Amino acid sequence: MSANRANAPYYFVPGPSRHPITASFGLLMTGAGAAGWVNGQPWAPYLCGFGLLWFLFVLKSWFGDAISESEGGMYGKNIDLSFRWSMGWFIFSEVMFFAAFFGALFYARAIAMPWLGDLNNKILWPDFAAVWPNTGPAGVVENFQTMGPWPIPTINTALLLMSGVTLTWAHHALLAGKRSQLIQGLSLTILLGAIFMGFQVYEYMHAYSDLNLKLSSGIYGSTFFLLTGFHGFHVTMGAIMLAVVLIRVLKGHFTPEHHFAFEGAAWYWHFVDVVWLFLYIVVYWL
């Protein structure tokens, strides 16, 4: 929502849009390329990169249309309420998304592992050890070391917690009409997110080169890279959203009364923070 939002008595319904299908096509190419990349296909990195660029281009166009509609005074209170409900349900769907992966990790550790290691299965798998992380199946998974909480995961936890503080500071500055503090808070939040991703990339390089920890390293490697990788993707998307909000702030958009675009991005960022706290405890500590 922008500073020019009109209290329109009608409910604005935009015309047919190509953005959902074109964005889905970009994500399809990105996902297919990533799957092929993991399986060693030579064409896959190019498809993944092209799909990602396609998706980002669609996002730019989609954001531009929504901003133009907002600045044109087409959004009223009913639209504002719809945006809030939509963002809430979207974040709920993301909660379920991560719950599926946390559930897979819980099932592997608390149910499958004890079951495979009990006396009834000793005849079938006499050499199986019901310990976590599990290195089986023998002869298939190479030896690897696990990723501990020190120092990078703990540093990243501090970075995300600080980013939540700076974003809250920016929100209070927006409500108080202090635009300079708003810009500073948003800029610091984006910077902290970028540093977080830099450490995440370094952690992956350390895992591959020093620990021999890969996506193919059994159930531990699969769950580790799926959880941390998808979280990193969400951090990247959240940083993009905040960057768009920052650009709009620099252009004079938003008022203390009308600023849902900021709030929606802030909700998403705080959700990403909370997911990381669960991930930090479950994946790195337990």
Protein backbone atom coordinates (compact mmCIF):
# COMPACT_ATOMS: atom_id res chain seq x y z
CA MET A 1 0.00 0.00 0.00
CA SER A 2 1.27 3.45 -0.87
CA ALA A 3 0.94 7.02 0.23
CA ASN A 4 -1.50 7.66 -2.62
CA ARG A 5 -3.95 4.96 -1.69
CA ALA A 6 -7.55 6.05 -2.07
CA ASN A 7 -10.31 4.83 0.20
CA ALA A 8 -12.13 3.43 -2.81
CA PRO A 9 -15.66 2.19 -2.06
CA TYR A 10 -15.30 -0.52 -4.72
CA TYR A 11 -13.21 -3.67 -4.81
CA PHE A 12 -10.59 -3.35 -7.51
CA VAL A 13 -10.35 -6.45 -9.73
CA PRO A 14 -7.34 -6.41 -12.09
CA GLY A 15 -7.58 -7.74 -15.60
CA PRO A 16 -6.24 -11.11 -16.73
CA SER A 17 -2.55 -11.46 -15.93
CA ARG A 18 0.17 -13.55 -17.55
CA HIS A 19 2.38 -13.33 -14.47
CA PRO A 20 1.23 -16.45 -12.54
CA ILE A 21 1.73 -18.85 -15.45
CA THR A 22 5.00 -17.29 -16.60
CA ALA A 23 6.38 -17.31 -13.03
CA SER A 24 5.36 -20.97 -12.68
CA PHE A 25 7.16 -21.76 -15.94
CA GLY A 26 10.32 -20.11 -14.61
CA LEU A 27 10.12 -22.12 -11.38
CA LEU A 28 9.56 -25.30 -13.39
CA MET A 29 12.72 -24.70 -15.39
CA THR A 30 14.65 -23.85 -12.22
CA GLY A 31 13.47 -27.00 -10.44
CA ALA A 32 14.08 -29.26 -13.44
CA GLY A 33 17.52 -27.77 -13.91
CA ALA A 34 18.37 -28.20 -10.23
CA ALA A 35 17.25 -31.85 -10.31
CA GLY A 36 19.33 -32.52 -13.41
CA TRP A 37 22.29 -30.68 -11.90
CA VAL A 38 22.26 -32.90 -8.82
CA ASN A 39 22.27 -35.94 -11.11
CA GLY A 40 25.21 -34.72 -13.15
CA GLN A 41 23.46 -33.65 -16.36
CA PRO A 42 25.70 -31.22 -18.32
CA TRP A 43 22.79 -29.09 -19.57
CA ALA A 44 21.16 -28.74 -16.15
CA PRO A 45 23.10 -25.73 -14.74
CA TYR A 46 22.20 -23.66 -17.79
CA LEU A 47 18.51 -24.55 -17.53
CA CYS A 48 18.52 -23.81 -13.79
CA GLY A 49 20.19 -20.43 -14.30
CA PHE A 50 17.92 -19.49 -17.20
CA GLY A 51 14.83 -20.47 -15.22
CA LEU A 52 15.96 -18.40 -12.25
CA LEU A 53 16.60 -15.34 -14.43
CA TRP A 54 13.22 -15.86 -16.08
CA PHE A 55 11.52 -16.01 -12.67
CA LEU A 56 13.26 -12.85 -11.43
CA PHE A 57 12.28 -11.00 -14.60
CA VAL A 58 8.63 -12.00 -14.10
CA LEU A 59 8.81 -10.87 -10.47
CA LYS A 60 10.11 -7.47 -11.57
CA SER A 61 7.22 -7.05 -13.99
CA TRP A 62 4.67 -8.37 -11.48
CA PHE A 63 5.88 -6.09 -8.70
CA GLY A 64 5.85 -3.17 -11.13
CA ASP A 65 2.20 -3.75 -12.04
CA ALA A 66 1.16 -4.04 -8.39
CA ILE A 67 3.06 -0.88 -7.46
CA SER A 68 1.50 1.05 -10.35
CA GLU A 69 -1.97 -0.03 -9.24
CA SER A 70 -1.20 0.96 -5.66
CA GLU A 71 0.23 4.35 -6.62
CA GLY A 72 -2.75 4.90 -8.91
CA GLY A 73 -5.12 4.83 -5.94
CA MET A 74 -6.84 1.61 -6.97
CA TYR A 75 -6.44 -0.15 -3.62
CA GLY A 76 -8.96 0.51 -0.88
CA LYS A 77 -9.62 -0.99 2.53
CA ASN A 78 -11.11 -4.17 1.10
CA ILE A 79 -8.01 -4.79 -0.99
CA ASP A 80 -5.84 -4.12 2.06
CA LEU A 81 -7.79 -6.74 4.01
CA SER A 82 -7.48 -9.22 1.14
CA PHE A 83 -3.72 -8.68 1.01
CA ARG A 84 -3.42 -9.35 4.73
CA TRP A 85 -5.43 -12.56 4.54
CA SER A 86 -3.53 -13.68 1.45
CA MET A 87 -0.15 -13.07 3.03
CA GLY A 88 -1.24 -14.84 6.20
CA TRP A 89 -2.38 -17.93 4.28
CA PHE A 90 0.77 -17.84 2.16
CA ILE A 91 2.96 -17.88 5.27
CA PHE A 92 0.80 -20.70 6.67
CA SER A 93 1.46 -22.71 3.50
CA GLU A 94 5.17 -22.09 4.00
CA VAL A 95 4.87 -23.33 7.58
CA MET A 96 3.37 -26.56 6.24
CA PHE A 97 6.13 -26.75 3.62
CA PHE A 98 8.86 -26.71 6.24
CA ALA A 99 6.81 -28.89 8.58
CA ALA A 100 6.96 -31.64 5.94
CA PHE A 101 10.76 -31.60 5.95
CA PHE A 102 11.02 -31.36 9.72
CA GLY A 103 8.51 -34.23 9.86
CA ALA A 104 10.69 -36.32 7.54
CA LEU A 105 13.68 -35.68 9.80
CA PHE A 106 11.66 -36.60 12.90
CA TYR A 107 10.37 -39.79 11.26
CA ALA A 108 13.86 -40.86 10.24
CA ARG A 109 15.35 -40.25 13.67
CA ALA A 110 12.54 -41.16 16.07
CA ILE A 111 10.66 -43.91 14.19
CA ALA A 112 12.57 -45.45 11.29
CA MET A 113 15.95 -45.58 13.01
CA PRO A 114 14.82 -47.50 16.14
CA TRP A 115 12.65 -49.79 14.02
CA LEU A 116 15.47 -50.73 11.66
CA GLY A 117 17.79 -51.31 14.60
CA ASP A 118 15.56 -53.54 16.72
CA LEU A 119 16.10 -57.28 17.16
CA ASN A 120 13.45 -58.24 14.60
CA ASN A 121 15.55 -56.72 11.82
CA LYS A 122 18.98 -57.93 12.96
CA ILE A 123 18.79 -60.92 10.61
CA LEU A 124 18.10 -58.71 7.60
CA TRP A 125 20.62 -56.00 8.50
CA PRO A 126 23.12 -57.47 10.97
CA ASP A 127 25.60 -54.61 10.55
CA PHE A 128 23.06 -51.80 10.89
CA ALA A 129 23.68 -49.37 13.77
CA ALA A 130 20.73 -47.33 14.98
CA VAL A 131 22.72 -44.14 15.57
CA TRP A 132 22.34 -40.60 14.28
CA PRO A 133 23.68 -39.45 11.97
CA ASN A 134 23.37 -42.72 10.13
CA THR A 135 26.00 -43.57 7.53
CA GLY A 136 24.06 -46.35 5.79
CA PRO A 137 23.48 -48.08 3.57
CA ALA A 138 26.94 -49.60 3.86
CA GLY A 139 28.97 -49.54 0.69
CA VAL A 140 26.79 -46.84 -0.85
CA VAL A 141 27.29 -43.76 1.32
CA GLU A 142 30.85 -42.47 1.64
CA ASN A 143 32.19 -41.60 5.07
CA PHE A 144 31.43 -38.03 6.09
CA GLN A 145 31.50 -35.73 9.09
CA THR A 146 28.49 -33.87 10.44
CA MET A 147 28.08 -30.11 10.55
CA GLY A 148 28.24 -28.80 14.11
CA PRO A 149 26.74 -25.58 15.48
CA TRP A 150 30.09 -23.78 15.75
CA PRO A 151 31.04 -21.32 14.47
CA ILE A 152 29.13 -20.54 11.26
CA PRO A 153 25.59 -21.67 12.23
CA THR A 154 25.80 -19.75 15.50
CA ILE A 155 27.08 -16.65 13.71
CA ASN A 156 24.25 -16.96 11.21
CA THR A 157 21.75 -17.25 14.05
CA ALA A 158 23.05 -14.00 15.54
CA LEU A 159 22.87 -12.33 12.12
CA LEU A 160 19.23 -13.28 11.57
CA LEU A 161 18.26 -12.27 15.11
CA MET A 162 19.92 -8.88 14.57
CA SER A 163 18.13 -8.53 11.23
CA GLY A 164 14.82 -9.03 13.01
CA VAL A 165 15.75 -6.22 15.40
CA THR A 166 16.78 -3.83 12.62
CA LEU A 167 13.60 -4.58 10.67
CA THR A 168 11.47 -3.88 13.74
CA TRP A 169 13.40 -0.62 14.20
CA ALA A 170 12.62 0.28 10.60
CA HIS A 171 8.93 -0.48 11.17
CA HIS A 172 8.76 1.77 14.22
CA ALA A 173 10.55 4.49 12.25
CA LEU A 174 7.96 4.20 9.48
CA LEU A 175 5.11 4.51 11.97
CA ALA A 176 6.80 7.58 13.47
CA GLY A 177 7.45 9.17 10.08
CA LYS A 178 11.25 9.02 10.49
CA ARG A 179 12.26 8.12 6.95
CA SER A 180 16.02 8.35 7.48
CA GLN A 181 15.86 5.74 10.24
CA LEU A 182 13.51 3.68 8.08
CA ILE A 183 16.07 3.64 5.27
CA GLN A 184 18.88 2.78 7.67
CA GLY A 185 16.92 -0.06 9.26
CA LEU A 186 15.93 -1.58 5.93
CA SER A 187 19.45 -1.27 4.55
CA LEU A 188 20.96 -2.96 7.60
CA THR A 189 18.40 -5.77 7.41
CA ILE A 190 19.20 -6.46 3.76
CA LEU A 191 22.94 -6.30 4.49
CA LEU A 192 22.62 -8.78 7.36
CA GLY A 193 20.64 -11.11 5.10
CA ALA A 194 23.34 -10.90 2.43
CA ILE A 195 26.06 -11.67 4.99
CA PHE A 196 24.00 -14.62 6.20
CA MET A 197 23.85 -16.02 2.67
CA GLY A 198 27.58 -15.48 2.24
CA PHE A 199 28.27 -17.56 5.33
CA GLN A 200 25.79 -20.17 4.10
CA VAL A 201 27.69 -20.51 0.82
CA TYR A 202 30.96 -20.81 2.74
CA GLU A 203 29.39 -23.49 4.96
CA TYR A 204 28.36 -25.52 1.92
CA MET A 205 31.86 -25.27 0.46
CA HIS A 206 33.28 -26.41 3.80
CA ALA A 207 30.80 -29.30 3.92
CA TYR A 208 31.69 -30.53 0.44
CA SER A 209 35.46 -30.05 0.52
CA ASP A 210 36.38 -30.68 4.16
CA LEU A 211 33.61 -32.85 5.63
CA ASN A 212 32.70 -34.83 2.48
CA LEU A 213 29.09 -34.02 3.37
CA LYS A 214 26.92 -34.07 0.25
CA LEU A 215 23.30 -34.36 -0.76
CA SER A 216 24.00 -38.05 -1.39
CA SER A 217 25.31 -38.62 2.16
CA GLY A 218 22.38 -40.75 3.25
CA ILE A 219 19.33 -39.46 5.08
CA TYR A 220 21.44 -37.01 7.08
CA GLY A 221 22.87 -35.31 4.01
CA SER A 222 19.49 -35.21 2.29
CA THR A 223 17.64 -33.60 5.18
CA PHE A 224 20.53 -31.23 5.98
CA PHE A 225 20.77 -29.78 2.49
CA LEU A 226 17.02 -29.75 1.87
CA LEU A 227 16.27 -27.85 5.07
CA THR A 228 19.17 -25.41 4.93
CA GLY A 229 18.93 -25.02 1.15
CA PHE A 230 15.24 -24.20 1.06
CA HIS A 231 15.68 -21.87 4.01
CA GLY A 232 18.47 -20.09 2.15
CA PHE A 233 16.18 -19.74 -0.86
CA HIS A 234 13.53 -18.14 1.36
CA VAL A 235 16.10 -15.76 2.84
CA THR A 236 17.06 -14.73 -0.69
CA MET A 237 13.43 -14.12 -1.65
CA GLY A 238 12.86 -12.16 1.56
CA ALA A 239 15.89 -9.99 0.84
CA ILE A 240 14.55 -9.30 -2.66
CA MET A 241 11.19 -8.27 -1.20
CA LEU A 242 12.87 -5.95 1.30
CA ALA A 243 15.05 -4.49 -1.46
CA VAL A 244 11.92 -3.64 -3.46
CA VAL A 245 10.43 -2.04 -0.35
CA LEU A 246 13.63 -0.03 0.17
CA ILE A 247 13.53 1.24 -3.42
CA ARG A 248 9.93 2.31 -2.89
CA VAL A 249 10.86 4.09 0.34
CA LEU A 250 13.59 5.99 -1.51
CA LYS A 251 10.95 7.04 -4.05
CA GLY A 252 8.74 8.43 -1.29
CA HIS A 253 6.19 5.63 -1.11
CA PHE A 254 4.39 4.57 2.10
CA THR A 255 2.92 6.56 4.97
CA PRO A 256 2.41 5.66 8.63
CA GLU A 257 -1.19 4.77 7.75
CA HIS A 258 -0.72 2.89 4.47
CA HIS A 259 2.28 0.58 4.12
CA PHE A 260 1.15 -3.03 3.81
CA ALA A 261 3.88 -3.88 1.28
CA PHE A 262 6.36 -3.19 4.08
CA GLU A 263 4.34 -5.18 6.60
CA GLY A 264 3.95 -8.17 4.29
CA ALA A 265 7.70 -8.31 3.63
CA ALA A 266 8.36 -7.92 7.37
CA TRP A 267 5.99 -10.78 8.23
CA TYR A 268 7.79 -12.99 5.74
CA TRP A 269 11.22 -12.05 7.10
CA HIS A 270 10.24 -12.75 10.69
CA PHE A 271 8.83 -16.11 9.57
CA VAL A 272 12.20 -16.93 8.00
CA ASP A 273 13.88 -15.99 11.30
CA VAL A 274 11.65 -18.34 13.28
CA VAL A 275 12.22 -21.22 10.86
CA TRP A 276 15.97 -20.78 11.23
CA LEU A 277 15.74 -20.99 15.03
CA PHE A 278 13.97 -24.35 14.75
CA LEU A 279 16.46 -25.46 12.11
CA TYR A 280 19.43 -24.35 14.21
CA ILE A 281 18.27 -26.41 17.18
CA VAL A 282 17.02 -29.52 15.37
CA VAL A 283 19.64 -29.85 12.63
CA TYR A 284 22.80 -28.48 14.24
CA TRP A 285 22.35 -29.23 17.94
CA LEU A 286 20.18 -32.34 18.35
